[in-house]
């Protein structure tokens, strides 16, 4: 069995917060790189299945990501 780490490695708490975040992100990237080992909760699969069925039933209902992104960026610029 693997050992559950209760505390971060020695010296972690002494790092500046930005380095702590980088460390945690690096750990997550290592975990995520092994997609075949990541569990997918059943409810995630259910949501994906429902969204796929909705798209297949009406594929023209949405907008391309590029269009949505451009609209969002435009809104952000106008708020400044």
N, C-alpha and C. Protein backbone atom coordinates (compact mmCIF):
# COMPACT_ATOMS: atom_id res chain seq x y z
N UNK A 1 0.83 -1.19 0.00
CA UNK A 1 0.00 0.00 0.00
C UNK A 1 0.87 1.25 0.00
N UNK A 2 0.37 2.28 -0.63
CA UNK A 2 1.12 3.53 -0.65
C UNK A 2 0.88 4.28 0.65
N UNK A 3 1.86 5.06 1.02
CA UNK A 3 1.78 5.86 2.24
C UNK A 3 1.14 7.20 1.93
N UNK A 4 0.16 7.58 2.70
CA UNK A 4 -0.50 8.87 2.53
C UNK A 4 0.36 9.93 3.19
N UNK A 5 0.74 10.95 2.42
CA UNK A 5 1.54 12.04 2.98
C UNK A 5 0.63 12.98 3.75
N UNK A 6 0.93 13.16 5.00
CA UNK A 6 0.15 14.05 5.84
C UNK A 6 0.69 15.47 5.82
N UNK A 7 1.97 15.61 5.51
CA UNK A 7 2.63 16.90 5.53
C UNK A 7 3.43 17.09 4.24
N UNK A 8 3.62 18.32 3.83
CA UNK A 8 4.46 18.57 2.65
C UNK A 8 5.91 18.21 2.97
N UNK A 9 6.74 18.07 1.94
CA UNK A 9 8.14 17.73 2.19
C UNK A 9 8.85 18.84 2.98
N UNK A 10 9.93 18.47 3.64
CA UNK A 10 10.71 19.44 4.41
C UNK A 10 11.08 20.63 3.53
N UNK A 11 10.95 21.82 4.08
CA UNK A 11 11.32 23.04 3.39
C UNK A 11 10.19 23.65 2.58
N UNK A 12 9.11 22.90 2.36
CA UNK A 12 8.00 23.41 1.55
C UNK A 12 7.42 24.69 2.14
N UNK A 13 7.19 24.68 3.45
CA UNK A 13 6.57 25.85 4.10
C UNK A 13 7.49 27.07 4.10
N UNK A 14 8.77 26.86 3.88
CA UNK A 14 9.72 27.97 3.84
C UNK A 14 9.77 28.65 2.47
N UNK A 15 9.20 28.00 1.45
CA UNK A 15 9.21 28.57 0.10
C UNK A 15 8.23 29.73 0.01
N UNK A 16 8.51 30.71 -0.85
CA UNK A 16 7.51 31.75 -1.12
C UNK A 16 6.26 31.10 -1.73
N UNK A 17 5.12 31.73 -1.55
CA UNK A 17 3.85 31.15 -2.01
C UNK A 17 3.88 30.84 -3.51
N UNK A 18 4.47 31.71 -4.33
CA UNK A 18 4.50 31.43 -5.77
C UNK A 18 5.27 30.16 -6.07
N UNK A 19 6.33 29.88 -5.31
CA UNK A 19 7.09 28.64 -5.52
C UNK A 19 6.32 27.43 -5.00
N UNK A 20 5.56 27.61 -3.93
CA UNK A 20 4.71 26.52 -3.43
C UNK A 20 3.67 26.15 -4.49
N UNK A 21 3.08 27.17 -5.10
CA UNK A 21 2.08 26.94 -6.14
C UNK A 21 2.72 26.22 -7.33
N UNK A 22 3.91 26.68 -7.74
CA UNK A 22 4.62 26.02 -8.84
C UNK A 22 4.90 24.56 -8.52
N UNK A 23 5.29 24.29 -7.28
CA UNK A 23 5.58 22.92 -6.85
C UNK A 23 4.34 22.04 -6.96
N UNK A 24 3.23 22.56 -6.44
CA UNK A 24 1.97 21.80 -6.48
C UNK A 24 1.52 21.60 -7.93
N UNK A 25 1.67 22.63 -8.77
CA UNK A 25 1.30 22.51 -10.18
C UNK A 25 2.15 21.45 -10.87
N UNK A 26 3.44 21.41 -10.55
CA UNK A 26 4.33 20.41 -11.13
C UNK A 26 3.89 19.01 -10.72
N UNK A 27 3.52 18.86 -9.44
CA UNK A 27 3.03 17.55 -8.99
C UNK A 27 1.77 17.15 -9.75
N UNK A 28 0.84 18.11 -9.88
CA UNK A 28 -0.41 17.80 -10.59
C UNK A 28 -0.13 17.44 -12.04
N UNK A 29 0.78 18.16 -12.68
CA UNK A 29 1.12 17.86 -14.07
C UNK A 29 1.66 16.45 -14.21
N UNK A 30 2.45 16.00 -13.24
CA UNK A 30 2.98 14.63 -13.27
C UNK A 30 1.85 13.61 -13.15
N UNK A 31 0.89 13.91 -12.29
CA UNK A 31 -0.24 12.99 -12.11
C UNK A 31 -1.10 12.98 -13.37
N UNK A 32 -1.42 14.15 -13.89
CA UNK A 32 -2.30 14.28 -15.04
C UNK A 32 -1.68 13.70 -16.31
N UNK A 33 -0.36 13.61 -16.36
CA UNK A 33 0.31 13.06 -17.54
C UNK A 33 0.00 11.57 -17.70
N UNK A 34 -0.46 10.95 -16.64
CA UNK A 34 -0.82 9.53 -16.69
C UNK A 34 -2.34 9.40 -16.68
N UNK A 35 -2.96 9.89 -17.78
CA UNK A 35 -4.42 9.96 -17.87
C UNK A 35 -5.10 8.62 -17.59
N UNK A 36 -4.46 7.54 -18.02
CA UNK A 36 -5.07 6.23 -17.86
C UNK A 36 -5.22 5.84 -16.38
N UNK A 37 -4.56 6.54 -15.49
CA UNK A 37 -4.63 6.22 -14.08
C UNK A 37 -5.53 7.18 -13.29
N UNK A 38 -6.06 8.20 -13.98
CA UNK A 38 -6.93 9.16 -13.30
C UNK A 38 -8.36 8.62 -13.24
N UNK A 39 -8.93 8.56 -12.06
CA UNK A 39 -10.31 8.10 -11.97
C UNK A 39 -11.28 9.16 -12.49
N UNK A 40 -12.31 8.70 -13.17
CA UNK A 40 -13.36 9.60 -13.64
C UNK A 40 -14.63 9.24 -12.87
N UNK A 41 -15.10 10.15 -12.03
CA UNK A 41 -16.32 9.85 -11.27
C UNK A 41 -17.50 9.58 -12.21
N UNK A 42 -18.39 8.72 -11.79
CA UNK A 42 -19.54 8.37 -12.61
C UNK A 42 -20.36 9.59 -12.99
N UNK A 43 -20.49 10.55 -12.07
CA UNK A 43 -21.30 11.73 -12.38
C UNK A 43 -20.66 12.58 -13.46
N UNK A 44 -19.34 12.57 -13.55
CA UNK A 44 -18.67 13.29 -14.64
C UNK A 44 -19.05 12.66 -15.98
N UNK A 45 -19.01 11.33 -16.02
CA UNK A 45 -19.35 10.63 -17.25
C UNK A 45 -20.80 10.87 -17.62
N UNK A 46 -21.67 10.92 -16.63
CA UNK A 46 -23.09 11.19 -16.89
C UNK A 46 -23.29 12.58 -17.49
N UNK A 47 -22.59 13.58 -16.96
CA UNK A 47 -22.69 14.94 -17.49
C UNK A 47 -22.18 14.97 -18.93
N UNK A 48 -21.05 14.34 -19.17
CA UNK A 48 -20.49 14.30 -20.53
C UNK A 48 -21.44 13.61 -21.50
N UNK A 49 -22.02 12.49 -21.07
CA UNK A 49 -22.96 11.76 -21.92
C UNK A 49 -24.19 12.63 -22.25
N UNK A 50 -24.70 13.34 -21.24
CA UNK A 50 -25.87 14.21 -21.45
C UNK A 50 -25.54 15.34 -22.41
N UNK A 51 -24.37 15.95 -22.25
CA UNK A 51 -23.99 17.05 -23.13
C UNK A 51 -23.75 16.57 -24.56
N UNK A 52 -23.17 15.39 -24.69
CA UNK A 52 -22.97 14.83 -26.03
C UNK A 52 -24.31 14.53 -26.69
N UNK A 53 -25.24 13.96 -25.94
CA UNK A 53 -26.56 13.66 -26.49
C UNK A 53 -27.27 14.95 -26.90
N UNK A 54 -27.14 16.00 -26.10
CA UNK A 54 -27.75 17.29 -26.42
C UNK A 54 -27.14 17.87 -27.69
N UNK A 55 -25.85 17.78 -27.82
CA UNK A 55 -25.18 18.27 -29.03
C UNK A 55 -25.62 17.46 -30.26
N UNK A 56 -25.67 16.13 -30.12
CA UNK A 56 -26.06 15.29 -31.25
C UNK A 56 -27.50 15.54 -31.67
N UNK A 57 -28.36 15.88 -30.72
CA UNK A 57 -29.76 16.17 -31.03
C UNK A 57 -29.92 17.51 -31.74
N UNK A 58 -29.01 18.46 -31.48
CA UNK A 58 -29.13 19.78 -32.07
C UNK A 58 -27.73 20.38 -32.26
N UNK A 59 -26.97 19.90 -33.22
CA UNK A 59 -25.58 20.33 -33.38
C UNK A 59 -25.39 21.79 -33.78
N UNK A 60 -26.43 22.44 -34.29
CA UNK A 60 -26.31 23.84 -34.71
C UNK A 60 -26.69 24.83 -33.61
N UNK A 61 -27.01 24.34 -32.42
CA UNK A 61 -27.47 25.22 -31.34
C UNK A 61 -26.34 26.03 -30.70
N UNK A 62 -25.14 25.54 -30.78
CA UNK A 62 -24.03 26.22 -30.13
C UNK A 62 -23.30 27.17 -31.06
N UNK A 63 -22.24 27.77 -30.52
CA UNK A 63 -21.39 28.66 -31.30
C UNK A 63 -19.96 28.15 -31.21
N UNK A 64 -19.17 28.42 -32.22
CA UNK A 64 -17.76 28.01 -32.16
C UNK A 64 -17.03 28.71 -31.01
N UNK A 65 -16.07 28.02 -30.41
CA UNK A 65 -15.32 28.58 -29.30
C UNK A 65 -14.68 29.92 -29.66
N UNK A 66 -14.13 30.03 -30.85
CA UNK A 66 -13.47 31.26 -31.26
C UNK A 66 -14.42 32.46 -31.18
N UNK A 67 -15.67 32.25 -31.54
CA UNK A 67 -16.67 33.31 -31.49
C UNK A 67 -16.99 33.68 -30.04
N UNK A 68 -17.17 32.68 -29.21
CA UNK A 68 -17.45 32.93 -27.79
C UNK A 68 -16.27 33.65 -27.14
N UNK A 69 -15.06 33.17 -27.42
CA UNK A 69 -13.86 33.80 -26.85
C UNK A 69 -13.75 35.26 -27.27
N UNK A 70 -14.00 35.54 -28.55
CA UNK A 70 -13.92 36.92 -29.05
C UNK A 70 -14.94 37.80 -28.33
N UNK A 71 -16.15 37.29 -28.11
CA UNK A 71 -17.16 38.05 -27.39
C UNK A 71 -16.73 38.34 -25.95
N UNK A 72 -16.18 37.34 -25.29
CA UNK A 72 -15.72 37.52 -23.91
C UNK A 72 -14.60 38.54 -23.83
N UNK A 73 -13.64 38.44 -24.75
CA UNK A 73 -12.53 39.39 -24.75
C UNK A 73 -13.03 40.81 -25.01
N UNK A 74 -13.99 40.94 -25.90
CA UNK A 74 -14.58 42.25 -26.20
C UNK A 74 -15.25 42.84 -24.95
N UNK A 75 -15.96 42.01 -24.22
CA UNK A 75 -16.62 42.48 -23.00
C UNK A 75 -15.60 42.92 -21.95
N UNK A 76 -14.52 42.15 -21.84
CA UNK A 76 -13.48 42.52 -20.87
C UNK A 76 -12.83 43.85 -21.22
N UNK A 77 -12.56 44.06 -22.49
CA UNK A 77 -11.94 45.31 -22.94
C UNK A 77 -12.87 46.49 -22.68
N UNK A 78 -14.15 46.29 -22.92
CA UNK A 78 -15.09 47.41 -22.74
C UNK A 78 -15.30 47.76 -21.28
N UNK A 79 -14.97 46.87 -20.35
CA UNK A 79 -15.12 47.15 -18.92
C UNK A 79 -13.97 47.95 -18.36
N UNK A 80 -12.87 48.03 -19.07
CA UNK A 80 -11.67 48.72 -18.56
C UNK A 80 -11.79 50.19 -18.67
